Amino acid sequence: YLDLTDTDRGGISGGPIDGTVNVTVVDSMRGLAVPDAFVLLGDTLDGPYQGHTDSRGQLTFSGDDLQGPITVHVAVKCMERASLVAFDAANVTVHLAPLLDEAVETAVREQ
């Protein structure tokens, strides 16, 4: 078991990509993992490298053709979206700030 989560800074690490990319998504306000975040490598929605983070906010992509530089896009409901463009590192930690959902904001005001 290797926990690659960097809840303090985020960013990239681990040397050049050689067939594997580990992505970790963290809530920047609480410092906690973000499960079920959609992660896409590259810029094509029908590409082979896409998926959702697990309960630890992590997802690993592997493939013989996976080499840097690559681009990573991350999106999840009620949080900002983020992209890291044209990098070559095996480990990526992305921090996302929460966005208040309109329905939640309205319910809070009505209380």
N, C-alpha and C. Protein backbone atom coordinates (compact mmCIF):
# COMPACT_ATOMS: atom_id res chain seq x y z
N TYR A 1 0.85 -1.18 0.00
CA TYR A 1 0.00 0.00 0.00
C TYR A 1 0.88 1.23 0.00
N LEU A 2 0.61 2.11 -0.93
CA LEU A 2 1.35 3.36 -1.04
C LEU A 2 0.36 4.49 -1.12
N ASP A 3 0.33 5.36 -0.13
CA ASP A 3 -0.57 6.51 -0.14
C ASP A 3 0.18 7.70 -0.67
N LEU A 4 -0.21 8.17 -1.85
CA LEU A 4 0.49 9.25 -2.52
C LEU A 4 -0.13 10.61 -2.23
N THR A 5 -1.10 10.67 -1.35
CA THR A 5 -1.80 11.91 -1.08
C THR A 5 -0.89 12.94 -0.43
N ASP A 6 -0.81 14.10 -1.03
CA ASP A 6 -0.10 15.24 -0.45
C ASP A 6 -1.16 16.26 -0.09
N THR A 7 -1.67 16.22 1.14
CA THR A 7 -2.75 17.11 1.52
C THR A 7 -2.27 18.52 1.82
N ASP A 8 -0.97 18.75 1.83
CA ASP A 8 -0.45 20.09 2.10
C ASP A 8 -0.26 20.91 0.83
N ARG A 9 0.38 20.35 -0.18
CA ARG A 9 0.76 21.14 -1.33
C ARG A 9 0.17 20.66 -2.64
N GLY A 10 0.12 19.37 -2.86
CA GLY A 10 -0.31 18.86 -4.16
C GLY A 10 0.81 18.99 -5.17
N GLY A 11 0.46 18.85 -6.43
CA GLY A 11 1.45 18.99 -7.48
C GLY A 11 1.85 17.67 -8.08
N ILE A 12 3.06 17.64 -8.65
CA ILE A 12 3.54 16.46 -9.36
C ILE A 12 4.83 15.97 -8.73
N SER A 13 5.07 14.66 -8.87
CA SER A 13 6.27 14.05 -8.30
C SER A 13 6.50 12.69 -8.94
N GLY A 14 7.59 12.04 -8.57
CA GLY A 14 7.80 10.65 -8.92
C GLY A 14 8.56 10.36 -10.19
N GLY A 15 9.12 11.34 -10.83
CA GLY A 15 9.89 11.08 -12.04
C GLY A 15 9.01 10.97 -13.26
N PRO A 16 9.61 10.76 -14.43
CA PRO A 16 8.86 10.71 -15.69
C PRO A 16 7.86 9.56 -15.75
N ILE A 17 6.82 9.76 -16.53
CA ILE A 17 5.79 8.74 -16.74
C ILE A 17 6.37 7.61 -17.57
N ASP A 18 6.20 6.38 -17.06
CA ASP A 18 6.68 5.21 -17.79
C ASP A 18 5.62 4.11 -17.70
N GLY A 19 4.42 4.41 -18.24
CA GLY A 19 3.37 3.41 -18.27
C GLY A 19 2.36 3.49 -17.14
N THR A 20 2.61 4.32 -16.13
CA THR A 20 1.68 4.43 -15.00
C THR A 20 1.59 5.88 -14.52
N VAL A 21 0.35 6.32 -14.26
CA VAL A 21 0.11 7.64 -13.67
C VAL A 21 -0.84 7.46 -12.50
N ASN A 22 -0.45 7.96 -11.33
CA ASN A 22 -1.27 7.93 -10.12
C ASN A 22 -1.84 9.32 -9.88
N VAL A 23 -3.17 9.41 -9.78
CA VAL A 23 -3.84 10.69 -9.57
C VAL A 23 -4.54 10.64 -8.22
N THR A 24 -4.35 11.69 -7.42
CA THR A 24 -5.03 11.84 -6.13
C THR A 24 -5.74 13.18 -6.13
N VAL A 25 -7.00 13.18 -5.69
CA VAL A 25 -7.79 14.42 -5.65
C VAL A 25 -8.14 14.71 -4.19
N VAL A 26 -7.86 15.96 -3.77
CA VAL A 26 -8.01 16.37 -2.37
C VAL A 26 -8.88 17.61 -2.30
N ASP A 27 -9.77 17.66 -1.32
CA ASP A 27 -10.56 18.85 -1.00
C ASP A 27 -9.62 19.85 -0.35
N SER A 28 -9.39 20.99 -1.00
CA SER A 28 -8.40 21.95 -0.49
C SER A 28 -8.84 22.64 0.79
N MET A 29 -10.13 22.69 1.08
CA MET A 29 -10.60 23.34 2.30
C MET A 29 -10.46 22.42 3.52
N ARG A 30 -10.78 21.15 3.34
CA ARG A 30 -10.77 20.22 4.47
C ARG A 30 -9.55 19.31 4.50
N GLY A 31 -8.82 19.22 3.40
CA GLY A 31 -7.65 18.35 3.35
C GLY A 31 -8.01 16.88 3.27
N LEU A 32 -9.22 16.57 2.83
CA LEU A 32 -9.69 15.19 2.76
C LEU A 32 -9.76 14.71 1.31
N ALA A 33 -9.73 13.40 1.14
CA ALA A 33 -9.84 12.79 -0.18
C ALA A 33 -11.18 13.14 -0.81
N VAL A 34 -11.21 13.21 -2.14
CA VAL A 34 -12.44 13.46 -2.88
C VAL A 34 -12.77 12.19 -3.68
N PRO A 35 -13.70 11.37 -3.15
CA PRO A 35 -14.09 10.17 -3.88
C PRO A 35 -14.98 10.52 -5.07
N ASP A 36 -14.98 9.66 -6.07
CA ASP A 36 -15.85 9.75 -7.24
C ASP A 36 -15.61 10.98 -8.11
N ALA A 37 -14.42 11.55 -8.06
CA ALA A 37 -14.06 12.64 -8.97
C ALA A 37 -13.75 12.04 -10.34
N PHE A 38 -14.24 12.68 -11.40
CA PHE A 38 -13.97 12.21 -12.76
C PHE A 38 -12.60 12.72 -13.18
N VAL A 39 -11.76 11.80 -13.66
CA VAL A 39 -10.40 12.14 -14.09
C VAL A 39 -10.23 11.70 -15.54
N LEU A 40 -9.70 12.60 -16.36
CA LEU A 40 -9.48 12.33 -17.77
C LEU A 40 -8.04 12.67 -18.12
N LEU A 41 -7.33 11.70 -18.71
CA LEU A 41 -6.00 11.98 -19.24
C LEU A 41 -6.17 12.33 -20.71
N GLY A 42 -5.54 13.42 -21.13
CA GLY A 42 -5.67 13.86 -22.51
C GLY A 42 -6.89 14.75 -22.68
N ASP A 43 -7.21 15.02 -23.95
CA ASP A 43 -8.29 15.96 -24.24
C ASP A 43 -9.44 15.35 -25.01
N THR A 44 -9.51 14.02 -25.06
CA THR A 44 -10.55 13.33 -25.81
C THR A 44 -11.44 12.56 -24.85
N LEU A 45 -12.74 12.89 -24.85
CA LEU A 45 -13.66 12.22 -23.93
C LEU A 45 -13.84 10.74 -24.21
N ASP A 46 -13.53 10.30 -25.41
CA ASP A 46 -13.66 8.87 -25.70
C ASP A 46 -12.31 8.15 -25.64
N GLY A 47 -11.31 8.79 -25.01
CA GLY A 47 -10.00 8.17 -24.87
C GLY A 47 -10.00 7.05 -23.85
N PRO A 48 -8.96 6.23 -23.84
CA PRO A 48 -8.92 5.07 -22.96
C PRO A 48 -8.61 5.37 -21.50
N TYR A 49 -8.09 6.55 -21.21
CA TYR A 49 -7.65 6.84 -19.84
C TYR A 49 -8.60 7.83 -19.17
N GLN A 50 -9.63 7.27 -18.54
CA GLN A 50 -10.58 8.06 -17.78
C GLN A 50 -11.23 7.16 -16.74
N GLY A 51 -11.69 7.79 -15.67
CA GLY A 51 -12.33 7.02 -14.61
C GLY A 51 -12.65 7.90 -13.42
N HIS A 52 -13.08 7.27 -12.33
CA HIS A 52 -13.45 7.98 -11.10
C HIS A 52 -12.54 7.55 -9.95
N THR A 53 -12.25 8.49 -9.09
CA THR A 53 -11.40 8.19 -7.94
C THR A 53 -12.12 7.27 -6.96
N ASP A 54 -11.34 6.51 -6.21
CA ASP A 54 -11.90 5.59 -5.21
C ASP A 54 -12.19 6.35 -3.91
N SER A 55 -12.48 5.64 -2.85
CA SER A 55 -12.83 6.26 -1.56
C SER A 55 -11.66 7.05 -0.96
N ARG A 56 -10.43 6.76 -1.41
CA ARG A 56 -9.25 7.51 -0.94
C ARG A 56 -8.92 8.68 -1.86
N GLY A 57 -9.80 8.92 -2.86
CA GLY A 57 -9.57 10.00 -3.82
C GLY A 57 -8.47 9.68 -4.81
N GLN A 58 -8.20 8.40 -5.03
CA GLN A 58 -7.09 8.01 -5.89
C GLN A 58 -7.56 7.17 -7.07
N LEU A 59 -6.77 7.27 -8.16
CA LEU A 59 -7.02 6.51 -9.37
C LEU A 59 -5.68 6.30 -10.05
N THR A 60 -5.42 5.08 -10.50
CA THR A 60 -4.18 4.77 -11.21
C THR A 60 -4.51 4.35 -12.64
N PHE A 61 -3.80 4.95 -13.59
CA PHE A 61 -3.90 4.59 -15.00
C PHE A 61 -2.64 3.86 -15.39
N SER A 62 -2.79 2.79 -16.17
CA SER A 62 -1.63 2.03 -16.65
C SER A 62 -1.83 1.65 -18.10
N GLY A 63 -0.73 1.68 -18.86
CA GLY A 63 -0.78 1.26 -20.25
C GLY A 63 0.59 1.39 -20.89
N ASP A 64 0.90 0.50 -21.79
CA ASP A 64 2.20 0.53 -22.46
C ASP A 64 2.43 1.83 -23.22
N ASP A 65 1.35 2.46 -23.69
CA ASP A 65 1.49 3.69 -24.46
C ASP A 65 1.45 4.96 -23.61
N LEU A 66 1.38 4.81 -22.30
CA LEU A 66 1.26 5.96 -21.41
C LEU A 66 2.64 6.57 -21.13
N GLN A 67 2.90 7.67 -21.79
CA GLN A 67 4.17 8.39 -21.66
C GLN A 67 3.88 9.88 -21.59
N GLY A 68 4.77 10.64 -20.98
CA GLY A 68 4.60 12.09 -20.90
C GLY A 68 5.13 12.77 -22.13
N PRO A 69 4.82 14.01 -22.30
CA PRO A 69 3.96 14.82 -21.44
C PRO A 69 2.47 14.50 -21.68
N ILE A 70 1.68 14.68 -20.61
CA ILE A 70 0.24 14.44 -20.68
C ILE A 70 -0.48 15.63 -20.05
N THR A 71 -1.80 15.63 -20.22
CA THR A 71 -2.67 16.60 -19.58
C THR A 71 -3.70 15.84 -18.77
N VAL A 72 -4.00 16.33 -17.56
CA VAL A 72 -5.01 15.71 -16.69
C VAL A 72 -6.10 16.74 -16.40
N HIS A 73 -7.35 16.31 -16.56
CA HIS A 73 -8.51 17.13 -16.20
C HIS A 73 -9.25 16.44 -15.07
N VAL A 74 -9.73 17.20 -14.07
CA VAL A 74 -10.46 16.64 -12.94
C VAL A 74 -11.73 17.46 -12.73
N ALA A 75 -12.86 16.75 -12.54
CA ALA A 75 -14.13 17.42 -12.30
C ALA A 75 -14.97 16.59 -11.33
N VAL A 76 -15.69 17.28 -10.46
CA VAL A 76 -16.61 16.62 -9.53
C VAL A 76 -17.68 17.65 -9.14
N LYS A 77 -18.89 17.19 -8.92
CA LYS A 77 -20.01 18.07 -8.60
C LYS A 77 -19.70 18.90 -7.34
N CYS A 78 -20.06 20.15 -7.39
CA CYS A 78 -19.94 21.09 -6.28
C CYS A 78 -18.50 21.44 -5.93
N MET A 79 -17.58 21.21 -6.87
CA MET A 79 -16.19 21.60 -6.64
C MET A 79 -15.66 22.23 -7.92
N GLU A 80 -14.64 23.07 -7.75
CA GLU A 80 -14.03 23.66 -8.94
C GLU A 80 -13.42 22.57 -9.80
N ARG A 81 -13.21 22.86 -11.07
CA ARG A 81 -12.53 21.93 -11.98
C ARG A 81 -11.07 22.34 -12.07
N ALA A 82 -10.23 21.37 -12.41
CA ALA A 82 -8.80 21.68 -12.53
C ALA A 82 -8.19 20.89 -13.67
N SER A 83 -7.16 21.46 -14.26
CA SER A 83 -6.39 20.79 -15.31
C SER A 83 -4.91 21.06 -15.07
N LEU A 84 -4.10 20.04 -15.26
CA LEU A 84 -2.65 20.20 -15.29
C LEU A 84 -2.25 19.86 -16.71
N VAL A 85 -1.57 20.78 -17.36
CA VAL A 85 -1.33 20.68 -18.80
C VAL A 85 0.14 20.39 -19.10
N ALA A 86 0.36 19.39 -19.96
CA ALA A 86 1.67 19.07 -20.54
C ALA A 86 2.75 18.87 -19.48
N PHE A 87 2.56 17.89 -18.61
CA PHE A 87 3.57 17.56 -17.60
C PHE A 87 4.04 16.12 -17.79
N ASP A 88 5.15 15.80 -17.18
CA ASP A 88 5.71 14.45 -17.27
C ASP A 88 6.15 14.00 -15.89
N ALA A 89 5.19 13.52 -15.09
CA ALA A 89 5.46 13.03 -13.74
C ALA A 89 4.48 11.91 -13.41
N ALA A 90 4.94 10.90 -12.73
CA ALA A 90 4.15 9.70 -12.47
C ALA A 90 3.06 9.90 -11.43
N ASN A 91 3.21 10.87 -10.53
CA ASN A 91 2.24 11.10 -9.45
C ASN A 91 1.71 12.53 -9.53
N VAL A 92 0.38 12.65 -9.44
CA VAL A 92 -0.27 13.95 -9.52
C VAL A 92 -1.25 14.07 -8.36
N THR A 93 -1.13 15.13 -7.57
CA THR A 93 -2.12 15.42 -6.53
C THR A 93 -2.77 16.74 -6.89
N VAL A 94 -4.11 16.70 -7.05
CA VAL A 94 -4.87 17.87 -7.46
C VAL A 94 -5.75 18.32 -6.29
N HIS A 95 -5.63 19.57 -5.92
CA HIS A 95 -6.47 20.15 -4.87
C HIS A 95 -7.63 20.90 -5.52
N LEU A 96 -8.86 20.60 -5.09
CA LEU A 96 -10.05 21.28 -5.59
C LEU A 96 -10.75 22.00 -4.45
N ALA A 97 -11.18 23.23 -4.71
CA ALA A 97 -11.94 23.99 -3.72
C ALA A 97 -13.42 23.70 -3.91
N PRO A 98 -14.15 23.55 -2.80
CA PRO A 98 -15.59 23.33 -2.90
C PRO A 98 -16.31 24.57 -3.43
N LEU A 99 -17.37 24.34 -4.18
CA LEU A 99 -18.27 25.40 -4.64
C LEU A 99 -19.62 25.15 -4.01
N LEU A 100 -20.24 26.18 -3.50
CA LEU A 100 -21.54 26.00 -2.87
C LEU A 100 -22.61 25.82 -3.94
N ASP A 101 -23.34 24.74 -3.86
CA ASP A 101 -24.43 24.45 -4.77
C ASP A 101 -25.59 25.40 -4.50
N GLU A 102 -26.26 25.91 -5.55
CA GLU A 102 -27.36 26.86 -5.38
C GLU A 102 -28.47 26.31 -4.49
N ALA A 103 -28.82 25.05 -4.66
CA ALA A 103 -29.89 24.45 -3.86
C ALA A 103 -29.51 24.42 -2.38
N VAL A 104 -28.26 24.11 -2.10
CA VAL A 104 -27.78 24.10 -0.71
C VAL A 104 -27.79 25.52 -0.15
N GLU A 105 -27.33 26.47 -0.94
CA GLU A 105 -27.29 27.87 -0.49
C GLU A 105 -28.70 28.37 -0.17
N THR A 106 -29.68 28.03 -1.01
CA THR A 106 -31.06 28.45 -0.78
C THR A 106 -31.60 27.80 0.49
N ALA A 107 -31.35 26.53 0.70
CA ALA A 107 -31.83 25.83 1.90
C ALA A 107 -31.22 26.42 3.17
N VAL A 108 -29.96 26.81 3.11
CA VAL A 108 -29.31 27.40 4.28
C VAL A 108 -29.94 28.76 4.60
N ARG A 109 -30.21 29.55 3.57
CA ARG A 109 -30.81 30.87 3.80
C ARG A 109 -32.22 30.76 4.37
N GLU A 110 -32.95 29.71 4.01
CA GLU A 110 -34.33 29.54 4.45
C GLU A 110 -34.42 29.04 5.89
N GLN A 111 -33.33 28.57 6.45
CA GLN A 111 -33.37 28.02 7.82
C GLN A 111 -33.33 29.09 8.86
